[in-house]
Amino acid sequence: MRMYLGLGSNLGDSKKYLQKAISRINTFPNIKGIKKSSIYQSKALEVNSPQNDYLNMVISFVIPDYQDNYQNANSLWKFLNSIEKSLGRKRIYFHEPRTIDIDILIYGKLKVNNQLIIPHPRVIHRLFVLEPMLEVINQLTTKKSAITEIEKLLGLDNINQRIFELKQIQDCQRLS
């Protein structure tokens, strides 16, 4: 079962926060086959006051024999929240600047809609998520089936077309 996480930072040394977060995510039991996108720079969306640009990326991995159920997803979510807190993330208000933000974008084929929502509800609206996600998918040997599965999970007809549409209205630059 393959999982996709979105990482973002716009406070302090954002590249360093992304690297530290990935190192800590790697300590989750039995993670295998981690794939990382490049880092992308984008403007902060849906904010009420000016913020620094974000650095974003997507990582993907598998956890063999890990079931795609709510209990396991919630366990991973709590682990990711502890990483955010350890890296100085404060949750004061929605869309605030942050040292690190780690979102579960896709968790196997799981669909959940309660405190934890999977797939992440705003994936299809964010170029800084879809573009690096496609980059990661293109690293997989099963990329055609992975694209089909993700399009199905996200309710997209064509992920490449959606990226093209978002490029018309959002600024997102690949840095490395």
Protein backbone atom coordinates (compact mmCIF):
# COMPACT_ATOMS: atom_id res chain seq x y z
CA MET A 1 0.00 0.00 0.00
CA ARG A 2 1.53 3.32 -1.11
CA MET A 3 1.03 6.53 0.83
CA TYR A 4 1.61 10.11 -0.23
CA LEU A 5 2.44 12.96 2.13
CA GLY A 6 2.62 16.67 1.38
CA LEU A 7 5.22 18.72 3.23
CA GLY A 8 5.42 22.51 3.35
CA SER A 9 7.25 25.25 5.23
CA ASN A 10 7.38 29.04 5.11
CA LEU A 11 9.09 29.99 8.37
CA GLY A 12 12.79 29.92 9.14
CA ASP A 13 15.11 27.67 7.11
CA SER A 14 12.37 25.89 5.17
CA LYS A 15 14.70 23.49 3.33
CA LYS A 16 16.17 22.40 6.65
CA TYR A 17 12.69 21.84 8.13
CA LEU A 18 11.69 19.71 5.12
CA GLN A 19 14.87 17.62 5.47
CA LYS A 20 14.38 17.15 9.22
CA ALA A 21 10.76 16.14 8.72
CA ILE A 22 11.72 13.49 6.14
CA SER A 23 14.43 12.13 8.45
CA ARG A 24 11.89 11.79 11.26
CA ILE A 25 9.23 10.28 9.00
CA ASN A 26 11.80 7.62 8.09
CA THR A 27 11.74 6.48 11.73
CA PHE A 28 8.12 5.31 11.44
CA PRO A 29 8.21 1.49 11.68
CA ASN A 30 8.73 -0.50 8.45
CA ILE A 31 8.72 2.39 5.94
CA LYS A 32 10.13 1.18 2.62
CA GLY A 33 10.67 2.57 -0.85
CA ILE A 34 10.57 6.25 0.00
CA LYS A 35 10.34 8.50 -3.05
CA LYS A 36 10.80 12.27 -2.89
CA SER A 37 9.83 15.03 -5.27
CA SER A 38 11.87 18.12 -5.94
CA ILE A 39 11.20 21.14 -3.79
CA TYR A 40 8.67 23.61 -5.21
CA GLN A 41 8.21 27.25 -4.24
CA SER A 42 4.71 28.72 -4.19
CA LYS A 43 2.78 31.66 -2.85
CA ALA A 44 0.72 31.19 0.30
CA LEU A 45 -2.91 30.57 -0.65
CA GLU A 46 -6.08 31.63 1.15
CA VAL A 47 -4.31 33.93 3.64
CA ASN A 48 -5.52 37.20 5.15
CA SER A 49 -2.11 38.84 5.58
CA PRO A 50 1.18 38.65 3.65
CA GLN A 51 3.30 35.55 4.24
CA ASN A 52 6.60 34.24 2.98
CA ASP A 53 6.48 31.88 0.02
CA TYR A 54 6.19 28.20 0.84
CA LEU A 55 8.63 25.46 -0.01
CA ASN A 56 6.65 22.29 -0.73
CA MET A 57 7.31 18.72 -1.70
CA VAL A 58 5.64 15.33 -1.80
CA ILE A 59 7.05 12.07 -0.51
CA SER A 60 5.68 8.60 -0.97
CA PHE A 61 6.43 5.28 0.66
CA VAL A 62 5.02 1.87 1.40
CA ILE A 63 4.60 0.09 4.71
CA PRO A 64 4.44 -3.63 3.91
CA ASP A 65 1.59 -5.50 5.59
CA TYR A 66 0.08 -2.23 6.85
CA GLN A 67 -3.66 -2.20 6.29
CA ASP A 68 -5.39 0.83 4.82
CA ASN A 69 -7.84 1.35 7.64
CA TYR A 70 -8.74 4.30 9.82
CA GLN A 71 -6.90 3.03 12.89
CA ASN A 72 -3.56 2.79 11.05
CA ALA A 73 -4.10 6.10 9.24
CA ASN A 74 -4.88 7.79 12.55
CA SER A 75 -1.72 6.31 14.07
CA LEU A 76 0.37 7.75 11.21
CA TRP A 77 -1.44 11.09 11.51
CA LYS A 78 -0.64 11.33 15.23
CA PHE A 79 3.00 10.46 14.49
CA LEU A 80 3.16 13.21 11.84
CA ASN A 81 1.58 15.72 14.24
CA SER A 82 4.27 14.89 16.81
CA ILE A 83 6.95 15.61 14.18
CA GLU A 84 5.32 18.96 13.41
CA LYS A 85 5.23 19.86 17.10
CA SER A 86 8.87 18.80 17.62
CA LEU A 87 9.88 21.08 14.74
CA GLY A 88 8.14 24.10 16.26
CA ARG A 89 4.72 23.99 14.56
CA LYS A 90 2.18 26.02 16.46
CA ARG A 91 -1.52 25.78 15.64
CA ILE A 92 -2.93 29.18 16.48
CA TYR A 93 -5.14 29.94 13.47
CA PHE A 94 -6.02 28.42 10.10
CA HIS A 95 -3.57 29.08 7.22
CA GLU A 96 -0.94 30.51 9.54
CA PRO A 97 2.77 30.60 8.66
CA ARG A 98 4.47 27.40 9.78
CA THR A 99 7.84 25.82 10.29
CA ILE A 100 6.48 22.56 8.90
CA ASP A 101 3.18 21.20 7.71
CA ILE A 102 2.78 17.50 6.96
CA ASP A 103 -0.44 16.29 5.39
CA ILE A 104 -1.57 12.78 4.52
CA LEU A 105 -2.62 13.24 0.91
CA ILE A 106 -3.39 9.64 0.00
CA TYR A 107 -3.30 6.57 2.21
CA GLY A 108 -3.55 3.53 -0.04
CA LYS A 109 -7.15 3.23 -1.20
CA LEU A 110 -8.59 4.49 2.07
CA LYS A 111 -11.36 7.09 2.09
CA VAL A 112 -12.15 8.72 5.43
CA ASN A 113 -14.26 11.77 6.22
CA ASN A 114 -14.19 12.70 9.89
CA GLN A 115 -11.52 14.51 11.96
CA LEU A 116 -8.96 13.05 9.54
CA ILE A 117 -10.00 13.40 5.89
CA ILE A 118 -8.37 11.13 3.30
CA PRO A 119 -7.73 11.76 0.47
CA HIS A 120 -6.84 15.29 1.50
CA PRO A 121 -9.77 17.46 0.36
CA ARG A 122 -7.70 20.20 -1.30
CA VAL A 123 -5.22 18.09 -3.29
CA ILE A 124 -6.96 18.70 -6.61
CA HIS A 125 -6.97 22.47 -6.04
CA ARG A 126 -3.26 22.89 -5.34
CA LEU A 127 -0.60 22.90 -8.01
CA PHE A 128 2.11 22.73 -5.32
CA VAL A 129 0.70 19.30 -4.37
CA LEU A 130 -0.34 17.79 -7.71
CA GLU A 131 2.83 18.66 -9.61
CA PRO A 132 5.27 17.14 -7.09
CA MET A 133 2.90 14.18 -6.61
CA LEU A 134 3.05 13.45 -10.33
CA GLU A 135 6.84 13.76 -10.18
CA VAL A 136 6.92 11.08 -7.46
CA ILE A 137 4.52 8.84 -9.39
CA ASN A 138 6.82 9.07 -12.40
CA GLN A 139 9.60 7.51 -10.28
CA LEU A 140 7.53 4.35 -9.73
CA THR A 141 7.83 1.27 -11.90
CA THR A 142 4.04 1.00 -11.77
CA LYS A 143 3.44 4.63 -12.73
CA LYS A 144 0.60 4.01 -15.20
CA SER A 145 -1.45 2.05 -12.68
CA ALA A 146 -0.50 4.53 -9.92
CA ILE A 147 -1.75 7.47 -12.01
CA THR A 148 -5.00 5.63 -12.77
CA GLU A 149 -5.53 4.77 -9.08
CA ILE A 150 -4.83 8.33 -7.91
CA GLU A 151 -7.10 9.84 -10.56
CA LYS A 152 -9.84 7.48 -9.39
CA LEU A 153 -9.28 8.32 -5.69
CA LEU A 154 -9.25 12.06 -6.36
CA GLY A 155 -12.12 12.04 -8.83
CA LEU A 156 -9.96 13.38 -11.67
CA ASP A 157 -10.33 12.45 -15.32
CA ASN A 158 -6.75 13.43 -16.14
CA ILE A 159 -4.13 14.58 -13.62
CA ASN A 160 -1.97 16.16 -16.34
CA GLN A 161 -4.92 18.24 -17.56
CA ARG A 162 -5.68 19.38 -14.01
CA ILE A 163 -2.04 20.45 -13.53
CA PHE A 164 -2.24 22.41 -16.80
CA GLU A 165 -5.41 24.17 -15.59
CA LEU A 166 -3.87 25.06 -12.22
CA LYS A 167 -0.75 26.47 -13.90
CA GLN A 168 -3.00 29.10 -15.46
CA ILE A 169 -4.02 30.45 -12.04
CA GLN A 170 -1.28 29.47 -9.55
CA ASP A 171 2.42 30.18 -9.43
CA CYS A 172 4.58 27.21 -8.50
CA GLN A 173 8.28 26.96 -9.37
CA ARG A 174 10.38 23.81 -9.17
CA LEU A 175 13.57 24.67 -7.27
CA SER A 176 15.54 21.44 -7.09
